[in-house]
C-alpha atoms as a PDB file:
ATOM      1  CA  MET A   1      -8.921  26.628  -0.352  1.00  0.00           C
ATOM      2  CA  PRO A   2     -12.377  27.641  -1.616  1.00  0.00           C
ATOM      3  CA  ARG A   3     -15.117  25.011  -1.367  1.00  0.00           C
ATOM      4  CA  LEU A   4     -15.465  24.450  -5.118  1.00  0.00           C
ATOM      5  CA  ALA A   5     -11.709  24.153  -5.657  1.00  0.00           C
ATOM      6  CA  ARG A   6     -11.429  21.716  -2.737  1.00  0.00           C
ATOM      7  CA  ALA A   7     -14.336  19.620  -4.033  1.00  0.00           C
ATOM      8  CA  VAL A   8     -12.889  19.534  -7.555  1.00  0.00           C
ATOM      9  CA  PHE A   9      -9.437  18.605  -6.260  1.00  0.00           C
ATOM     10  CA  LEU A  10     -10.759  15.942  -3.896  1.00  0.00           C
ATOM     11  CA  GLY A  11     -13.034  14.564  -6.601  1.00  0.00           C
ATOM     12  CA  ALA A  12     -10.026  14.311  -8.894  1.00  0.00           C
ATOM     13  CA  PHE A  13      -7.953  12.865  -6.064  1.00  0.00           C
ATOM     14  CA  VAL A  14     -10.448  10.168  -5.128  1.00  0.00           C
ATOM     15  CA  GLY A  15     -11.671   9.445  -8.646  1.00  0.00           C
ATOM     16  CA  GLY A  16      -8.378   9.978 -10.427  1.00  0.00           C
ATOM     17  CA  PHE A  17      -5.736   8.951  -7.933  1.00  0.00           C
ATOM     18  CA  TRP A  18      -7.434   5.808  -6.682  1.00  0.00           C
ATOM     19  CA  GLY A  19      -9.414   5.219  -9.853  1.00  0.00           C
ATOM     20  CA  VAL A  20      -6.301   5.286 -12.046  1.00  0.00           C
ATOM     21  CA  HIS A  21      -3.945   3.515  -9.667  1.00  0.00           C
ATOM     22  CA  GLY A  22      -6.630   1.260  -8.313  1.00  0.00           C
ATOM     23  CA  MET A  23      -7.280  -0.265  -4.972  1.00  0.00           C
ATOM     24  CA  PRO A  24      -6.552  -3.917  -4.400  1.00  0.00           C
ATOM     25  CA  GLY A  25      -9.202  -6.059  -6.027  1.00  0.00           C
ATOM     26  CA  MET A  26     -11.128  -3.255  -7.714  1.00  0.00           C
ATOM     27  CA  SER A  27     -11.099  -1.289 -10.932  1.00  0.00           C
ATOM     28  CA  SER A  28     -12.390   2.011  -9.556  1.00  0.00           C
ATOM     29  CA  ILE A  29     -13.560   3.666  -6.370  1.00  0.00           C
ATOM     30  CA  SER A  30     -17.168   3.423  -7.572  1.00  0.00           C
ATOM     31  CA  ASN A  31     -17.441  -0.243  -6.621  1.00  0.00           C
ATOM     32  CA  ALA A  32     -15.617   0.136  -3.286  1.00  0.00           C
ATOM     33  CA  GLN A  33     -18.594  -1.070  -1.276  1.00  0.00           C
ATOM     34  CA  GLU A  34     -18.232  -4.477  -2.896  1.00  0.00           C
ATOM     35  CA  ILE A  35     -14.768  -5.119  -1.430  1.00  0.00           C
ATOM     36  CA  VAL A  36     -15.204  -3.957   2.156  1.00  0.00           C
ATOM     37  CA  PRO A  37     -15.367  -7.089   4.248  1.00  0.00           C
ATOM     38  CA  ASP A  38     -17.889  -7.551   6.966  1.00  0.00           C
ATOM     39  CA  THR A  39     -16.711  -5.946  10.209  1.00  0.00           C
ATOM     40  CA  LEU A  40     -16.827  -9.390  11.831  1.00  0.00           C
ATOM     41  CA  GLU A  41     -14.337 -10.719   9.240  1.00  0.00           C
ATOM     42  CA  VAL A  42     -11.875  -7.917  10.003  1.00  0.00           C
ATOM     43  CA  GLU A  43     -12.252  -8.437  13.747  1.00  0.00           C
ATOM     44  CA  GLN A  44     -11.745 -12.195  13.365  1.00  0.00           C
ATOM     45  CA  ALA A  45      -8.589 -11.624  11.284  1.00  0.00           C
ATOM     46  CA  ALA A  46      -7.262  -9.227  13.931  1.00  0.00           C
ATOM     47  CA  ILE A  47      -8.028 -11.729  16.717  1.00  0.00           C
ATOM     48  CA  ALA A  48      -6.236 -14.481  14.776  1.00  0.00           C
ATOM     49  CA  GLN A  49      -3.140 -12.301  14.420  1.00  0.00           C
ATOM     50  CA  VAL A  50      -3.185 -11.436  18.122  1.00  0.00           C
ATOM     51  CA  LYS A  51      -3.310 -15.166  18.921  1.00  0.00           C
ATOM     52  CA  GLU A  52      -0.268 -15.594  16.659  1.00  0.00           C
ATOM     53  CA  GLY A  53       1.551 -12.951  18.703  1.00  0.00           C
ATOM     54  CA  VAL A  54       1.362 -10.147  16.131  1.00  0.00           C
ATOM     55  CA  ARG A  55       1.007  -6.789  17.901  1.00  0.00           C
ATOM     56  CA  ALA A  56      -0.309  -3.962  15.785  1.00  0.00           C
ATOM     57  CA  GLU A  57       0.871  -0.381  16.258  1.00  0.00           C
ATOM     58  CA  PRO A  58      -1.341   2.422  14.880  1.00  0.00           C
ATOM     59  CA  VAL A  59       0.505   4.464  12.249  1.00  0.00           C
ATOM     60  CA  CYS A  60      -0.412   7.215   9.838  1.00  0.00           C
ATOM     61  CA  VAL A  61       0.913   8.186   6.427  1.00  0.00           C
ATOM     62  CA  VAL A  62       2.841  11.409   7.055  1.00  0.00           C
ATOM     63  CA  SER A  63       4.213  11.983   3.543  1.00  0.00           C
ATOM     64  CA  ARG A  64       2.107  13.628   0.812  1.00  0.00           C
ATOM     65  CA  SER A  65       1.473  10.164  -0.630  1.00  0.00           C
ATOM     66  CA  ALA A  66       2.741   6.628  -0.230  1.00  0.00           C
ATOM     67  CA  ARG A  67       2.958   3.587  -2.459  1.00  0.00           C
ATOM     68  CA  LEU A  68       1.973   0.370  -0.765  1.00  0.00           C
ATOM     69  CA  ARG A  69       3.568  -2.756  -2.154  1.00  0.00           C
ATOM     70  CA  ALA A  70       3.059  -6.519  -2.147  1.00  0.00           C
ATOM     71  CA  ARG A  71       6.554  -7.156  -0.718  1.00  0.00           C
ATOM     72  CA  PRO A  72       9.230  -5.020   0.972  1.00  0.00           C
ATOM     73  CA  SER A  73      10.909  -3.942  -2.271  1.00  0.00           C
ATOM     74  CA  THR A  74      10.604  -0.993  -4.663  1.00  0.00           C
ATOM     75  CA  ASN A  75      10.469  -3.620  -7.426  1.00  0.00           C
ATOM     76  CA  ALA A  76       7.389  -5.307  -5.909  1.00  0.00           C
ATOM     77  CA  PRO A  77       3.963  -4.624  -7.441  1.00  0.00           C
ATOM     78  CA  ILE A  78       2.128  -1.582  -6.081  1.00  0.00           C
ATOM     79  CA  THR A  79      -1.000  -2.697  -4.221  1.00  0.00           C
ATOM     80  CA  TRP A  80      -2.401   0.735  -3.348  1.00  0.00           C
ATOM     81  CA  ASN A  81      -1.470   4.424  -3.601  1.00  0.00           C
ATOM     82  CA  VAL A  82      -2.659   6.442  -0.609  1.00  0.00           C
ATOM     83  CA  GLY A  83      -2.535  10.041   0.553  1.00  0.00           C
ATOM     84  CA  ARG A  84      -1.482  11.768   3.751  1.00  0.00           C
ATOM     85  CA  TYR A  85      -3.318  10.756   6.959  1.00  0.00           C
ATOM     86  CA  MET A  86      -4.290   7.269   5.777  1.00  0.00           C
ATOM     87  CA  PRO A  87      -4.238   5.114   8.933  1.00  0.00           C
ATOM     88  CA  PHE A  88      -2.861   1.603   9.220  1.00  0.00           C
ATOM     89  CA  GLU A  89      -1.837  -0.926  11.819  1.00  0.00           C
ATOM     90  CA  ARG A  90       1.909  -1.638  11.640  1.00  0.00           C
ATOM     91  CA  LEU A  91       2.518  -5.340  12.127  1.00  0.00           C
ATOM     92  CA  ARG A  92       6.325  -5.387  11.808  1.00  0.00           C
ATOM     93  CA  THR A  93       9.336  -3.646  10.316  1.00  0.00           C
ATOM     94  CA  GLU A  94      12.064  -5.092   8.135  1.00  0.00           C
ATOM     95  CA  ASN A  95      15.055  -3.330   6.533  1.00  0.00           C
ATOM     96  CA  GLY A  96      13.429   0.117   6.392  1.00  0.00           C
ATOM     97  CA  TRP A  97      10.006  -1.231   5.433  1.00  0.00           C
ATOM     98  CA  SER A  98       6.812  -1.546   7.507  1.00  0.00           C
ATOM     99  CA  GLN A  99       4.202  -4.235   6.998  1.00  0.00           C
ATOM    100  CA  VAL A 100       0.821  -2.588   7.549  1.00  0.00           C
ATOM    101  CA  ARG A 101      -2.800  -3.739   7.714  1.00  0.00           C
ATOM    102  CA  ASP A 102      -5.595  -1.564   6.322  1.00  0.00           C
ATOM    103  CA  LEU A 103      -9.200  -1.136   7.409  1.00  0.00           C
ATOM    104  CA  ARG A 104     -10.215  -4.148   5.288  1.00  0.00           C
ATOM    105  CA  GLY A 105      -7.672  -6.406   6.972  1.00  0.00           C
ATOM    106  CA  GLN A 106      -5.390  -6.616   3.919  1.00  0.00           C
ATOM    107  CA  THR A 107      -1.639  -6.321   4.418  1.00  0.00           C
ATOM    108  CA  HIS A 108       0.824  -4.227   2.432  1.00  0.00           C
ATOM    109  CA  TRP A 109       4.421  -3.010   2.711  1.00  0.00           C
ATOM    110  CA  VAL A 110       5.387   0.666   2.842  1.00  0.00           C
ATOM    111  CA  ILE A 111       8.717   2.460   3.249  1.00  0.00           C
ATOM    112  CA  SER A 112       8.881   3.101   7.002  1.00  0.00           C
ATOM    113  CA  LYS A 113       9.748   6.810   6.741  1.00  0.00           C
ATOM    114  CA  ASN A 114       6.334   7.386   5.104  1.00  0.00           C
ATOM    115  CA  VAL A 115       4.414   6.360   8.245  1.00  0.00           C
ATOM    116  CA  SER A 116       4.554   7.466  11.861  1.00  0.00           C
ATOM    117  CA  PRO A 117       2.893   6.493  15.144  1.00  0.00           C
ATOM    118  CA  LYS A 118       3.099  10.154  16.255  1.00  0.00           C
ATOM    119  CA  GLU A 119       0.005  11.194  14.279  1.00  0.00           C
ATOM    120  CA  SER A 120      -3.510   9.965  14.984  1.00  0.00           C
ATOM    121  CA  CYS A 121      -5.564   9.411  11.857  1.00  0.00           C
ATOM    122  CA  VAL A 122      -8.900   8.005  10.725  1.00  0.00           C
ATOM    123  CA  VAL A 123     -10.385   6.949   7.401  1.00  0.00           C
ATOM    124  CA  VAL A 124     -14.028   7.004   6.357  1.00  0.00           C
ATOM    125  CA  ARG A 125     -15.366   3.450   6.391  1.00  0.00           C
ATOM    126  CA  ALA A 126     -19.015   4.294   5.705  1.00  0.00           C
ATOM    127  CA  ARG A 127     -20.149   4.821   2.102  1.00  0.00           C
ATOM    128  CA  THR A 128     -20.353   8.529   2.980  1.00  0.00           C
ATOM    129  CA  ALA A 129     -19.880  10.422   6.212  1.00  0.00           C
ATOM    130  CA  LYS A 130     -21.812  13.622   6.842  1.00  0.00           C
ATOM    131  CA  LEU A 131     -19.469  16.382   8.005  1.00  0.00           C
ATOM    132  CA  HIS A 132     -20.746  18.880  10.580  1.00  0.00           C
ATOM    133  CA  GLN A 133     -19.380  22.170  11.897  1.00  0.00           C
ATOM    134  CA  GLY A 134     -19.611  20.911  15.476  1.00  0.00           C
ATOM    135  CA  PRO A 135     -20.283  17.723  17.451  1.00  0.00           C
ATOM    136  CA  GLY A 136     -23.953  16.828  17.131  1.00  0.00           C
ATOM    137  CA  TYR A 137     -26.750  16.452  14.619  1.00  0.00           C
ATOM    138  CA  SER A 138     -28.088  19.856  15.648  1.00  0.00           C
ATOM    139  CA  GLU A 139     -24.872  21.468  14.358  1.00  0.00           C
ATOM    140  CA  PRO A 140     -24.976  22.735  10.771  1.00  0.00           C
ATOM    141  CA  VAL A 141     -23.579  20.530   8.042  1.00  0.00           C
ATOM    142  CA  SER A 142     -20.191  21.878   6.952  1.00  0.00           C
ATOM    143  CA  GLU A 143     -19.708  23.643   3.657  1.00  0.00           C
ATOM    144  CA  PHE A 144     -17.859  20.546   2.433  1.00  0.00           C
ATOM    145  CA  GLY A 145     -20.926  18.377   3.168  1.00  0.00           C
ATOM    146  CA  VAL A 146     -19.822  14.747   3.057  1.00  0.00           C
ATOM    147  CA  ALA A 147     -16.695  12.636   2.782  1.00  0.00           C
ATOM    148  CA  ASP A 148     -16.600   9.463   0.726  1.00  0.00           C
ATOM    149  CA  ARG A 149     -15.349   6.055   1.795  1.00  0.00           C
ATOM    150  CA  TYR A 150     -11.536   5.795   2.034  1.00  0.00           C
ATOM    151  CA  MET A 151     -11.077   9.543   2.594  1.00  0.00           C
ATOM    152  CA  PRO A 152      -8.310   9.915   5.217  1.00  0.00           C
ATOM    153  CA  PHE A 153      -8.234  12.583   7.940  1.00  0.00           C
ATOM    154  CA  ARG A 154      -6.075  13.571  10.881  1.00  0.00           C
ATOM    155  CA  HIS A 155      -7.873  12.823  14.166  1.00  0.00           C
ATOM    156  CA  VAL A 156      -8.025  15.992  16.288  1.00  0.00           C
ATOM    157  CA  GLU A 157     -10.252  15.062  19.234  1.00  0.00           C
ATOM    158  CA  LYS A 158     -13.235  13.007  20.352  1.00  0.00           C
ATOM    159  CA  LYS A 159     -16.338  14.301  22.117  1.00  0.00           C
ATOM    160  CA  GLY A 160     -18.836  11.606  23.038  1.00  0.00           C
ATOM    161  CA  SER A 161     -19.692   9.679  19.878  1.00  0.00           C
ATOM    162  CA  TRP A 162     -18.301  12.435  17.628  1.00  0.00           C
ATOM    163  CA  VAL A 163     -14.780  12.912  16.267  1.00  0.00           C
ATOM    164  CA  LYS A 164     -13.176  16.148  15.146  1.00  0.00           C
ATOM    165  CA  ILE A 165     -11.134  15.581  11.989  1.00  0.00           C
ATOM    166  CA  GLU A 166      -8.890  17.644   9.731  1.00  0.00           C
ATOM    167  CA  ASP A 167      -8.246  17.147   6.035  1.00  0.00           C
ATOM    168  CA  ASP A 168      -5.000  17.757   4.165  1.00  0.00           C
ATOM    169  CA  PHE A 169      -6.119  21.343   3.438  1.00  0.00           C
ATOM    170  CA  LYS A 170      -6.591  22.178   7.143  1.00  0.00           C
ATOM    171  CA  GLY A 171     -10.396  21.980   6.855  1.00  0.00           C
ATOM    172  CA  VAL A 172     -11.858  20.953  10.220  1.00  0.00           C
ATOM    173  CA  PHE A 173     -15.048  18.903  10.531  1.00  0.00           C
ATOM    174  CA  TRP A 174     -16.997  16.718  12.954  1.00  0.00           C
ATOM    175  CA  THR A 175     -18.529  13.320  12.137  1.00  0.00           C
ATOM    176  CA  GLN A 176     -19.920  10.344  14.009  1.00  0.00           C
ATOM    177  CA  ALA A 177     -17.157   8.041  15.276  1.00  0.00           C
ATOM    178  CA  SER A 178     -19.021   5.088  13.729  1.00  0.00           C
ATOM    179  CA  ASN A 179     -18.360   6.575  10.255  1.00  0.00           C
ATOM    180  CA  VAL A 180     -14.588   6.209  10.552  1.00  0.00           C
ATOM    181  CA  TRP A 181     -11.987   3.529  11.239  1.00  0.00           C
ATOM    182  CA  THR A 182      -9.282   4.239  13.754  1.00  0.00           C
ATOM    183  CA  PRO A 183      -6.586   1.599  14.154  1.00  0.00           C
END
């Protein structure tokens, strides 16, 4: 897909898809930085769940999109609409549903067939993540430039402190591992 078409689509996807459907606790993607908890809070929540005996399994959205819900029911309120490659931690399964935890530590329910542990995925946790053509600051910035917070990618490989990622359009980029969350 040409750069401009990809940028327009992704802009519509991030602004329209999440902006219209909303993320939990926010009216649009523009104020996303206000809802991301401190990393310490997320780590403390994860530690508390481990102490309670909850083991998390990394999973990835493998369908084109997935509706996350407040309870394991198609009648439950939608808490978040996400696209392919969005990573989560699966906490448990129940009657064809998976309870998942996102990068902010919030839990949701998703139909189990929409997620899989067979893919490795990451999501941008920084406000923006600069995308390079190779691993290292000396490598040119990719034609795509940057990815915004909450943009999901398939994890391809890691080289030092850099990760190679792929978007839904098969675009391949490198970014600093600290820019992304991997469950």
